[in-house]
């Protein structure tokens, strides 16, 4: 559910309060470390072996899931060889 909620809000910082309400169905402001534990587990799974991290912690605010953009070298096509006439 954590990944699903972050994926529905890609690129936007999701606060801890939002996560507690939408993922754990809890509206109390007394947070345990459950968010930190699951965030660490998710980060390990989705960022392992990746050059650019997709899961970011925004200190004092919450978390953000970013979609990596293709690099120029991956999207650039080889130009055709020049024609000889």
PDB file of N, CA and C in Angstrom:
ATOM      1  N   UNK A   1       0.809  -1.201   0.000  1.00  0.00           N
ATOM      2  CA  UNK A   1       0.000   0.000   0.000  1.00  0.00           C
ATOM      3  C   UNK A   1       0.856   1.271   0.000  1.00  0.00           C
ATOM      4  N   UNK A   2       2.016   1.215   0.662  1.00  0.00           N
ATOM      5  CA  UNK A   2       2.889   2.385   0.694  1.00  0.00           C
ATOM      6  C   UNK A   2       3.354   2.738  -0.714  1.00  0.00           C
ATOM      7  N   UNK A   3       3.861   1.760  -1.443  1.00  0.00           N
ATOM      8  CA  UNK A   3       4.322   2.001  -2.806  1.00  0.00           C
ATOM      9  C   UNK A   3       3.171   2.466  -3.693  1.00  0.00           C
ATOM     10  N   UNK A   4       2.018   1.872  -3.533  1.00  0.00           N
ATOM     11  CA  UNK A   4       0.853   2.252  -4.334  1.00  0.00           C
ATOM     12  C   UNK A   4       0.481   3.714  -4.087  1.00  0.00           C
ATOM     13  N   UNK A   5       0.456   4.129  -2.834  1.00  0.00           N
ATOM     14  CA  UNK A   5       0.094   5.512  -2.524  1.00  0.00           C
ATOM     15  C   UNK A   5       1.136   6.488  -3.059  1.00  0.00           C
ATOM     16  N   UNK A   6       2.413   6.145  -2.910  1.00  0.00           N
ATOM     17  CA  UNK A   6       3.463   7.012  -3.444  1.00  0.00           C
ATOM     18  C   UNK A   6       3.397   7.071  -4.968  1.00  0.00           C
ATOM     19  N   UNK A   7       3.092   5.946  -5.609  1.00  0.00           N
ATOM     20  CA  UNK A   7       2.991   5.907  -7.072  1.00  0.00           C
ATOM     21  C   UNK A   7       1.816   6.758  -7.570  1.00  0.00           C
ATOM     22  N   UNK A   8       0.769   6.823  -6.793  1.00  0.00           N
ATOM     23  CA  UNK A   8      -0.377   7.664  -7.166  1.00  0.00           C
ATOM     24  C   UNK A   8      -0.053   9.146  -7.016  1.00  0.00           C
ATOM     25  N   UNK A   9       1.026   9.445  -6.302  1.00  0.00           N
ATOM     26  CA  UNK A   9       1.433  10.834  -6.050  1.00  0.00           C
ATOM     27  C   UNK A   9       2.866  11.078  -6.505  1.00  0.00           C
ATOM     28  N   UNK A  10       3.254  10.504  -7.625  1.00  0.00           N
ATOM     29  CA  UNK A  10       4.628  10.608  -8.130  1.00  0.00           C
ATOM     30  C   UNK A  10       5.048  12.070  -8.254  1.00  0.00           C
ATOM     31  N   UNK A  11       6.249  12.354  -7.759  1.00  0.00           N
ATOM     32  CA  UNK A  11       6.817  13.689  -7.876  1.00  0.00           C
ATOM     33  C   UNK A  11       6.344  14.663  -6.808  1.00  0.00           C
ATOM     34  N   UNK A  12       5.385  14.267  -6.001  1.00  0.00           N
ATOM     35  CA  UNK A  12       4.840  15.136  -4.961  1.00  0.00           C
ATOM     36  C   UNK A  12       5.301  14.625  -3.602  1.00  0.00           C
ATOM     37  N   UNK A  13       5.645  15.547  -2.709  1.00  0.00           N
ATOM     38  CA  UNK A  13       6.037  15.152  -1.362  1.00  0.00           C
ATOM     39  C   UNK A  13       4.778  14.735  -0.608  1.00  0.00           C
ATOM     40  N   UNK A  14       4.823  13.529  -0.071  1.00  0.00           N
ATOM     41  CA  UNK A  14       3.702  12.989   0.703  1.00  0.00           C
ATOM     42  C   UNK A  14       4.095  13.070   2.171  1.00  0.00           C
ATOM     43  N   UNK A  15       3.267  13.718   2.966  1.00  0.00           N
ATOM     44  CA  UNK A  15       3.588  13.896   4.379  1.00  0.00           C
ATOM     45  C   UNK A  15       3.349  12.615   5.168  1.00  0.00           C
ATOM     46  N   UNK A  16       3.949  12.569   6.340  1.00  0.00           N
ATOM     47  CA  UNK A  16       3.753  11.430   7.237  1.00  0.00           C
ATOM     48  C   UNK A  16       2.284  11.305   7.632  1.00  0.00           C
ATOM     49  N   UNK A  17       1.629  12.433   7.836  1.00  0.00           N
ATOM     50  CA  UNK A  17       0.208  12.408   8.207  1.00  0.00           C
ATOM     51  C   UNK A  17      -0.629  11.776   7.096  1.00  0.00           C
ATOM     52  N   UNK A  18      -0.323  12.123   5.848  1.00  0.00           N
ATOM     53  CA  UNK A  18      -1.037  11.524   4.718  1.00  0.00           C
ATOM     54  C   UNK A  18      -0.815  10.016   4.669  1.00  0.00           C
ATOM     55  N   UNK A  19       0.421   9.599   4.891  1.00  0.00           N
ATOM     56  CA  UNK A  19       0.722   8.168   4.867  1.00  0.00           C
ATOM     57  C   UNK A  19      -0.025   7.432   5.973  1.00  0.00           C
ATOM     58  N   UNK A  20      -0.017   7.997   7.171  1.00  0.00           N
ATOM     59  CA  UNK A  20      -0.726   7.345   8.272  1.00  0.00           C
ATOM     60  C   UNK A  20      -2.221   7.237   7.977  1.00  0.00           C
ATOM     61  N   UNK A  21      -2.776   8.264   7.366  1.00  0.00           N
ATOM     62  CA  UNK A  21      -4.211   8.265   7.077  1.00  0.00           C
ATOM     63  C   UNK A  21      -4.573   7.318   5.939  1.00  0.00           C
ATOM     64  N   UNK A  22      -3.823   7.366   4.852  1.00  0.00           N
ATOM     65  CA  UNK A  22      -4.202   6.618   3.650  1.00  0.00           C
ATOM     66  C   UNK A  22      -3.635   5.200   3.584  1.00  0.00           C
ATOM     67  N   UNK A  23      -2.476   4.992   4.180  1.00  0.00           N
ATOM     68  CA  UNK A  23      -1.852   3.674   4.097  1.00  0.00           C
ATOM     69  C   UNK A  23      -2.191   2.828   5.321  1.00  0.00           C
ATOM     70  N   UNK A  24      -2.094   3.443   6.501  1.00  0.00           N
ATOM     71  CA  UNK A  24      -2.341   2.676   7.727  1.00  0.00           C
ATOM     72  C   UNK A  24      -3.719   2.959   8.327  1.00  0.00           C
ATOM     73  N   UNK A  25      -4.502   3.813   7.681  1.00  0.00           N
ATOM     74  CA  UNK A  25      -5.865   4.124   8.125  1.00  0.00           C
ATOM     75  C   UNK A  25      -5.884   4.589   9.580  1.00  0.00           C
ATOM     76  N   UNK A  26      -4.945   5.461   9.914  1.00  0.00           N
ATOM     77  CA  UNK A  26      -4.807   5.962  11.274  1.00  0.00           C
ATOM     78  C   UNK A  26      -4.677   7.478  11.202  1.00  0.00           C
ATOM     79  N   UNK A  27      -5.516   8.191  11.929  1.00  0.00           N
ATOM     80  CA  UNK A  27      -5.472   9.655  11.873  1.00  0.00           C
ATOM     81  C   UNK A  27      -4.850  10.266  13.115  1.00  0.00           C
ATOM     82  N   UNK A  28      -4.336   9.456  14.018  1.00  0.00           N
ATOM     83  CA  UNK A  28      -3.693   9.979  15.223  1.00  0.00           C
ATOM     84  C   UNK A  28      -2.383  10.654  14.852  1.00  0.00           C
ATOM     85  N   UNK A  29      -2.031  11.668  15.598  1.00  0.00           N
ATOM     86  CA  UNK A  29      -0.782  12.372  15.320  1.00  0.00           C
ATOM     87  C   UNK A  29       0.402  11.749  16.038  1.00  0.00           C
ATOM     88  N   UNK A  30       0.183  10.742  16.838  1.00  0.00           N
ATOM     89  CA  UNK A  30       1.257  10.056  17.549  1.00  0.00           C
ATOM     90  C   UNK A  30       1.839   8.972  16.641  1.00  0.00           C
ATOM     91  N   UNK A  31       2.924   9.300  15.945  1.00  0.00           N
ATOM     92  CA  UNK A  31       3.511   8.369  14.986  1.00  0.00           C
ATOM     93  C   UNK A  31       4.526   7.464  15.667  1.00  0.00           C
ATOM     94  N   UNK A  32       4.475   6.232  15.337  1.00  0.00           N
ATOM     95  CA  UNK A  32       5.537   5.331  15.765  1.00  0.00           C
ATOM     96  C   UNK A  32       6.574   5.324  14.644  1.00  0.00           C
ATOM     97  N   UNK A  33       7.543   4.468  14.747  1.00  0.00           N
ATOM     98  CA  UNK A  33       8.557   4.420  13.692  1.00  0.00           C
ATOM     99  C   UNK A  33       8.136   3.515  12.536  1.00  0.00           C
ATOM    100  N   UNK A  34       6.868   3.158  12.471  1.00  0.00           N
ATOM    101  CA  UNK A  34       6.390   2.260  11.410  1.00  0.00           C
ATOM    102  C   UNK A  34       6.655   2.841  10.019  1.00  0.00           C
ATOM    103  N   UNK A  35       6.488   4.131   9.879  1.00  0.00           N
ATOM    104  CA  UNK A  35       6.724   4.767   8.580  1.00  0.00           C
ATOM    105  C   UNK A  35       8.197   4.655   8.206  1.00  0.00           C
ATOM    106  N   UNK A  36       9.070   4.917   9.161  1.00  0.00           N
ATOM    107  CA  UNK A  36      10.516   4.854   8.895  1.00  0.00           C
ATOM    108  C   UNK A  36      10.955   3.440   8.521  1.00  0.00           C
ATOM    109  N   UNK A  37      10.406   2.451   9.208  1.00  0.00           N
ATOM    110  CA  UNK A  37      10.761   1.062   8.940  1.00  0.00           C
ATOM    111  C   UNK A  37      10.341   0.662   7.532  1.00  0.00           C
ATOM    112  N   UNK A  38       9.097   0.938   7.175  1.00  0.00           N
ATOM    113  CA  UNK A  38       8.620   0.565   5.849  1.00  0.00           C
ATOM    114  C   UNK A  38       9.268   1.398   4.748  1.00  0.00           C
ATOM    115  N   UNK A  39       9.566   2.664   5.036  1.00  0.00           N
ATOM    116  CA  UNK A  39      10.254   3.504   4.056  1.00  0.00           C
ATOM    117  C   UNK A  39      11.648   2.952   3.774  1.00  0.00           C
ATOM    118  N   UNK A  40      12.348   2.527   4.806  1.00  0.00           N
ATOM    119  CA  UNK A  40      13.692   1.964   4.626  1.00  0.00           C
ATOM    120  C   UNK A  40      13.636   0.671   3.821  1.00  0.00           C
ATOM    121  N   UNK A  41      12.655  -0.170   4.107  1.00  0.00           N
ATOM    122  CA  UNK A  41      12.513  -1.421   3.358  1.00  0.00           C
ATOM    123  C   UNK A  41      12.192  -1.152   1.894  1.00  0.00           C
ATOM    124  N   UNK A  42      11.303  -0.224   1.648  1.00  0.00           N
ATOM    125  CA  UNK A  42      10.924   0.113   0.274  1.00  0.00           C
ATOM    126  C   UNK A  42      12.107   0.710  -0.475  1.00  0.00           C
ATOM    127  N   UNK A  43      12.835   1.606   0.178  1.00  0.00           N
ATOM    128  CA  UNK A  43      14.000   2.230  -0.450  1.00  0.00           C
ATOM    129  C   UNK A  43      15.027   1.171  -0.868  1.00  0.00           C
ATOM    130  N   UNK A  44      15.272   0.213   0.009  1.00  0.00           N
ATOM    131  CA  UNK A  44      16.224  -0.864  -0.309  1.00  0.00           C
ATOM    132  C   UNK A  44      15.779  -1.652  -1.529  1.00  0.00           C
ATOM    133  N   UNK A  45      14.503  -1.897  -1.635  1.00  0.00           N
ATOM    134  CA  UNK A  45      14.001  -2.724  -2.737  1.00  0.00           C
ATOM    135  C   UNK A  45      13.987  -1.992  -4.072  1.00  0.00           C
ATOM    136  N   UNK A  46      13.564  -0.746  -4.085  1.00  0.00           N
ATOM    137  CA  UNK A  46      13.419  -0.079  -5.384  1.00  0.00           C
ATOM    138  C   UNK A  46      14.671   0.666  -5.833  1.00  0.00           C
ATOM    139  N   UNK A  47      15.547   1.014  -4.898  1.00  0.00           N
ATOM    140  CA  UNK A  47      16.739   1.762  -5.292  1.00  0.00           C
ATOM    141  C   UNK A  47      17.997   0.897  -5.390  1.00  0.00           C
ATOM    142  N   UNK A  48      17.906  -0.352  -4.986  1.00  0.00           N
ATOM    143  CA  UNK A  48      19.075  -1.232  -5.005  1.00  0.00           C
ATOM    144  C   UNK A  48      19.572  -1.424  -6.439  1.00  0.00           C
ATOM    145  N   UNK A  49      20.839  -1.127  -6.655  1.00  0.00           N
ATOM    146  CA  UNK A  49      21.452  -1.320  -7.959  1.00  0.00           C
ATOM    147  C   UNK A  49      21.139  -0.222  -8.965  1.00  0.00           C
ATOM    148  N   UNK A  50      20.384   0.762  -8.570  1.00  0.00           N
ATOM    149  CA  UNK A  50      20.045   1.868  -9.481  1.00  0.00           C
ATOM    150  C   UNK A  50      21.054   2.984  -9.324  1.00  0.00           C
ATOM    151  N   UNK A  51      21.341   3.658 -10.398  1.00  0.00           N
ATOM    152  CA  UNK A  51      22.276   4.787 -10.361  1.00  0.00           C
ATOM    153  C   UNK A  51      21.634   5.983  -9.679  1.00  0.00           C
ATOM    154  N   UNK A  52      20.387   6.262 -10.019  1.00  0.00           N
ATOM    155  CA  UNK A  52      19.661   7.392  -9.433  1.00  0.00           C
ATOM    156  C   UNK A  52      18.561   6.863  -8.514  1.00  0.00           C
ATOM    157  N   UNK A  53      18.498   7.429  -7.328  1.00  0.00           N
ATOM    158  CA  UNK A  53      17.481   7.009  -6.367  1.00  0.00           C
ATOM    159  C   UNK A  53      16.104   7.503  -6.800  1.00  0.00           C
ATOM    160  N   UNK A  54      15.112   6.638  -6.650  1.00  0.00           N
ATOM    161  CA  UNK A  54      13.729   7.019  -6.984  1.00  0.00           C
ATOM    162  C   UNK A  54      12.962   7.404  -5.725  1.00  0.00           C
ATOM    163  N   UNK A  55      13.380   6.874  -4.589  1.00  0.00           N
ATOM    164  CA  UNK A  55      12.684   7.107  -3.332  1.00  0.00           C
ATOM    165  C   UNK A  55      13.473   8.131  -2.530  1.00  0.00           C
ATOM    166  N   UNK A  56      12.868   9.267  -2.223  1.00  0.00           N
ATOM    167  CA  UNK A  56      13.579  10.336  -1.525  1.00  0.00           C
ATOM    168  C   UNK A  56      12.872  10.695  -0.222  1.00  0.00           C
ATOM    169  N   UNK A  57      13.678  10.978   0.781  1.00  0.00           N
ATOM    170  CA  UNK A  57      13.158  11.500   2.038  1.00  0.00           C
ATOM    171  C   UNK A  57      13.326  13.003   2.017  1.00  0.00           C
ATOM    172  N   UNK A  58      12.259  13.717   2.279  1.00  0.00           N
ATOM    173  CA  UNK A  58      12.309  15.171   2.372  1.00  0.00           C
ATOM    174  C   UNK A  58      12.278  15.476   3.872  1.00  0.00           C
ATOM    175  N   UNK A  59      13.429  15.795   4.377  1.00  0.00           N
ATOM    176  CA  UNK A  59      13.608  15.936   5.823  1.00  0.00           C
ATOM    177  C   UNK A  59      12.590  16.888   6.450  1.00  0.00           C
ATOM    178  N   UNK A  60      11.948  16.399   7.485  1.00  0.00           N
ATOM    179  CA  UNK A  60      10.980  17.202   8.217  1.00  0.00           C
ATOM    180  C   UNK A  60       9.621  17.303   7.557  1.00  0.00           C
ATOM    181  N   UNK A  61       9.465  16.711   6.363  1.00  0.00           N
ATOM    182  CA  UNK A  61       8.198  16.834   5.639  1.00  0.00           C
ATOM    183  C   UNK A  61       7.591  15.469   5.351  1.00  0.00           C
ATOM    184  N   UNK A  62       8.312  14.641   4.596  1.00  0.00           N
ATOM    185  CA  UNK A  62       7.770  13.336   4.230  1.00  0.00           C
ATOM    186  C   UNK A  62       8.637  12.643   3.205  1.00  0.00           C
ATOM    187  N   UNK A  63       7.979  12.035   2.236  1.00  0.00           N
ATOM    188  CA  UNK A  63       8.682  11.226   1.237  1.00  0.00           C
ATOM    189  C   UNK A  63       8.175  11.552  -0.160  1.00  0.00           C
ATOM    190  N   UNK A  64       9.024  11.260  -1.146  1.00  0.00           N
ATOM    191  CA  UNK A  64       8.656  11.517  -2.546  1.00  0.00           C
ATOM    192  C   UNK A  64       9.172  10.372  -3.408  1.00  0.00           C
ATOM    193  N   UNK A  65       8.355   9.948  -4.333  1.00  0.00           N
ATOM    194  CA  UNK A  65       8.755   8.941  -5.308  1.00  0.00           C
ATOM    195  C   UNK A  65       8.938   9.650  -6.640  1.00  0.00           C
ATOM    196  N   UNK A  66      10.122   9.528  -7.208  1.00  0.00           N
ATOM    197  CA  UNK A  66      10.424  10.162  -8.492  1.00  0.00           C
ATOM    198  C   UNK A  66      10.563   9.101  -9.564  1.00  0.00           C
ATOM    199  N   UNK A  67      10.136   9.441 -10.744  1.00  0.00           N
ATOM    200  CA  UNK A  67      10.306   8.541 -11.882  1.00  0.00           C
ATOM    201  C   UNK A  67      11.559   8.989 -12.613  1.00  0.00           C
ATOM    202  N   UNK A  68      12.513   8.079 -12.790  1.00  0.00           N
ATOM    203  CA  UNK A  68      13.746   8.475 -13.480  1.00  0.00           C
ATOM    204  C   UNK A  68      13.465   8.825 -14.936  1.00  0.00           C
ATOM    205  N   UNK A  69      14.144   9.842 -15.400  1.00  0.00           N
ATOM    206  CA  UNK A  69      14.010  10.220 -16.803  1.00  0.00           C
ATOM    207  C   UNK A  69      15.109   9.537 -17.588  1.00  0.00           C
ATOM    208  N   UNK A  70      14.811   9.125 -18.798  1.00  0.00           N
ATOM    209  CA  UNK A  70      15.844   8.477 -19.606  1.00  0.00           C
ATOM    210  C   UNK A  70      16.984   9.455 -19.878  1.00  0.00           C
ATOM    211  N   UNK A  71      18.193   8.965 -19.823  1.00  0.00           N
ATOM    212  CA  UNK A  71      19.337   9.827 -20.098  1.00  0.00           C
ATOM    213  C   UNK A  71      19.474  10.018 -21.602  1.00  0.00           C
ATOM    214  N   UNK A  72      20.198  11.032 -21.969  1.00  0.00           N
ATOM    215  CA  UNK A  72      20.351  11.350 -23.392  1.00  0.00           C
ATOM    216  C   UNK A  72      20.991  10.187 -24.146  1.00  0.00           C
ATOM    217  N   UNK A  73      21.913   9.500 -23.506  1.00  0.00           N
ATOM    218  CA  UNK A  73      22.592   8.417 -24.216  1.00  0.00           C
ATOM    219  C   UNK A  73      21.652   7.244 -24.487  1.00  0.00           C
ATOM    220  N   UNK A  74      20.662   7.054 -23.628  1.00  0.00           N
ATOM    221  CA  UNK A  74      19.722   5.963 -23.837  1.00  0.00           C
ATOM    222  C   UNK A  74      18.684   6.308 -24.899  1.00  0.00           C
ATOM    223  N   UNK A  75      18.341   7.585 -25.006  1.00  0.00           N
ATOM    224  CA  UNK A  75      17.289   7.969 -25.936  1.00  0.00           C
ATOM    225  C   UNK A  75      17.834   8.388 -27.289  1.00  0.00           C
ATOM    226  N   UNK A  76      19.103   8.712 -27.350  1.00  0.00           N
ATOM    227  CA  UNK A  76      19.694   9.156 -28.604  1.00  0.00           C
ATOM    228  C   UNK A  76      19.835   7.971 -29.553  1.00  0.00           C
ATOM    229  N   UNK A  77      19.392   8.156 -30.758  1.00  0.00           N
ATOM    230  CA  UNK A  77      19.527   7.094 -31.757  1.00  0.00           C
ATOM    231  C   UNK A  77      20.804   7.314 -32.542  1.00  0.00           C
ATOM    232  N   UNK A  78      21.330   6.241 -33.006  1.00  0.00           N
ATOM    233  CA  UNK A  78      22.510   6.355 -33.846  1.00  0.00           C
ATOM    234  C   UNK A  78      22.110   6.998 -35.167  1.00  0.00           C
ATOM    235  N   UNK A  79      22.938   7.905 -35.602  1.00  0.00           N
ATOM    236  CA  UNK A  79      22.647   8.500 -36.906  1.00  0.00           C
ATOM    237  C   UNK A  79      23.059   7.513 -37.991  1.00  0.00           C
ATOM    238  N   UNK A  80      22.333   7.560 -39.046  1.00  0.00           N
ATOM    239  CA  UNK A  80      22.627   6.651 -40.154  1.00  0.00           C
ATOM    240  C   UNK A  80      23.971   7.001 -40.763  1.00  0.00           C
ATOM    241  N   UNK A  81      24.634   6.011 -41.275  1.00  0.00           N
ATOM    242  CA  UNK A  81      25.933   6.235 -41.916  1.00  0.00           C
ATOM    243  C   UNK A  81      25.731   7.114 -43.139  1.00  0.00           C
ATOM    244  N   UNK A  82      26.677   7.991 -43.408  1.00  0.00           N
ATOM    245  CA  UNK A  82      26.524   8.867 -44.586  1.00  0.00           C
ATOM    246  C   UNK A  82      26.474   8.060 -45.869  1.00  0.00           C
ATOM    247  N   UNK A  83      25.665   8.511 -46.758  1.00  0.00           N
ATOM    248  CA  UNK A  83      25.532   7.804 -48.043  1.00  0.00           C
ATOM    249  C   UNK A  83      26.679   8.171 -48.974  1.00  0.00           C
ATOM    250  N   UNK A  84      27.088   7.201 -49.723  1.00  0.00           N
ATOM    251  CA  UNK A  84      28.096   7.459 -50.751  1.00  0.00           C
ATOM    252  C   UNK A  84      27.411   7.353 -52.093  1.00  0.00           C
ATOM    253  N   UNK A  85      27.643   8.300 -52.890  1.00  0.00           N
ATOM    254  CA  UNK A  85      26.997   8.267 -54.212  1.00  0.00           C
ATOM    255  C   UNK A  85      28.011   8.160 -55.292  1.00  0.00           C
TER     256      UNK A  85
END
